[in-house]
Amino acid sequence: MYNLLSSEEYKTLMKKRSTECETVFGQTKGNLGFRRFHLRGKEKVGTEWG
């Protein structure tokens, strides 16, 4: 696991991920105050998210 985490390929992937998807979730949580879903199930969560 240490070898995987220290590889250049993994570091590049994590750097790319931080700018692509983590920003969206961070803004949603920070700016909108959205921390958790109130409903359960994929369909209901999709409705709540939309």
C-alpha atoms as a PDB file:
ATOM      1  CA  MET A   1       0.000   0.000   0.000  1.00  0.00           C
ATOM      2  CA  TYR A   2       2.854   2.362   0.807  1.00  0.00           C
ATOM      3  CA  ASN A   3       4.319   1.790  -2.658  1.00  0.00           C
ATOM      4  CA  LEU A   4       0.963   2.560  -4.272  1.00  0.00           C
ATOM      5  CA  LEU A   5       0.433   5.748  -2.274  1.00  0.00           C
ATOM      6  CA  SER A   6       3.912   7.029  -2.985  1.00  0.00           C
ATOM      7  CA  SER A   7       3.831   6.352  -6.741  1.00  0.00           C
ATOM      8  CA  GLU A   8       3.864   9.268  -9.167  1.00  0.00           C
ATOM      9  CA  GLU A   9       0.751   7.959 -10.929  1.00  0.00           C
ATOM     10  CA  TYR A  10      -1.229   8.059  -7.668  1.00  0.00           C
ATOM     11  CA  LYS A  11      -0.012  11.560  -6.818  1.00  0.00           C
ATOM     12  CA  THR A  12      -1.040  12.813 -10.259  1.00  0.00           C
ATOM     13  CA  LEU A  13      -4.459  11.203  -9.910  1.00  0.00           C
ATOM     14  CA  MET A  14      -5.050  12.742  -6.465  1.00  0.00           C
ATOM     15  CA  LYS A  15      -3.974  16.171  -7.678  1.00  0.00           C
ATOM     16  CA  LYS A  16      -6.441  15.939 -10.569  1.00  0.00           C
ATOM     17  CA  ARG A  17      -9.230  14.731  -8.284  1.00  0.00           C
ATOM     18  CA  SER A  18      -8.808  17.601  -5.844  1.00  0.00           C
ATOM     19  CA  THR A  19      -9.503  20.162  -8.555  1.00  0.00           C
ATOM     20  CA  GLU A  20     -12.286  18.288 -10.335  1.00  0.00           C
ATOM     21  CA  CYS A  21     -14.725  16.830  -7.827  1.00  0.00           C
ATOM     22  CA  GLU A  22     -13.707  17.809  -4.311  1.00  0.00           C
ATOM     23  CA  THR A  23     -14.277  21.496  -5.071  1.00  0.00           C
ATOM     24  CA  VAL A  24     -17.914  20.901  -5.984  1.00  0.00           C
ATOM     25  CA  PHE A  25     -18.676  19.061  -2.762  1.00  0.00           C
ATOM     26  CA  GLY A  26     -16.752  21.588  -0.690  1.00  0.00           C
ATOM     27  CA  GLN A  27     -18.710  24.489  -2.162  1.00  0.00           C
ATOM     28  CA  THR A  28     -22.004  22.667  -1.698  1.00  0.00           C
ATOM     29  CA  LYS A  29     -21.236  21.977   1.945  1.00  0.00           C
ATOM     30  CA  GLY A  30     -19.744  25.369   2.718  1.00  0.00           C
ATOM     31  CA  ASN A  31     -21.887  27.803   0.744  1.00  0.00           C
ATOM     32  CA  LEU A  32     -25.224  26.040   0.903  1.00  0.00           C
ATOM     33  CA  GLY A  33     -24.796  24.470   4.336  1.00  0.00           C
ATOM     34  CA  PHE A  34     -25.778  21.104   2.884  1.00  0.00           C
ATOM     35  CA  ARG A  35     -24.330  18.406   5.156  1.00  0.00           C
ATOM     36  CA  ARG A  36     -26.626  15.373   4.870  1.00  0.00           C
ATOM     37  CA  PHE A  37     -29.697  14.039   3.143  1.00  0.00           C
ATOM     38  CA  HIS A  38     -32.918  13.836   5.104  1.00  0.00           C
ATOM     39  CA  LEU A  39     -34.428  11.058   3.005  1.00  0.00           C
ATOM     40  CA  ARG A  40     -33.244   7.515   2.271  1.00  0.00           C
ATOM     41  CA  GLY A  41     -33.002   5.671  -1.005  1.00  0.00           C
ATOM     42  CA  LYS A  42     -31.510   6.588  -4.349  1.00  0.00           C
ATOM     43  CA  GLU A  43     -34.699   7.938  -5.860  1.00  0.00           C
ATOM     44  CA  LYS A  44     -35.586  10.089  -2.845  1.00  0.00           C
ATOM     45  CA  VAL A  45     -32.052  11.411  -2.488  1.00  0.00           C
ATOM     46  CA  GLY A  46     -32.052  12.277  -6.204  1.00  0.00           C
ATOM     47  CA  THR A  47     -35.250  14.239  -5.682  1.00  0.00           C
ATOM     48  CA  GLU A  48     -33.863  16.031  -2.642  1.00  0.00           C
ATOM     49  CA  TRP A  49     -30.576  16.824  -4.409  1.00  0.00           C
ATOM     50  CA  GLY A  50     -32.381  18.191  -7.488  1.00  0.00           C
END
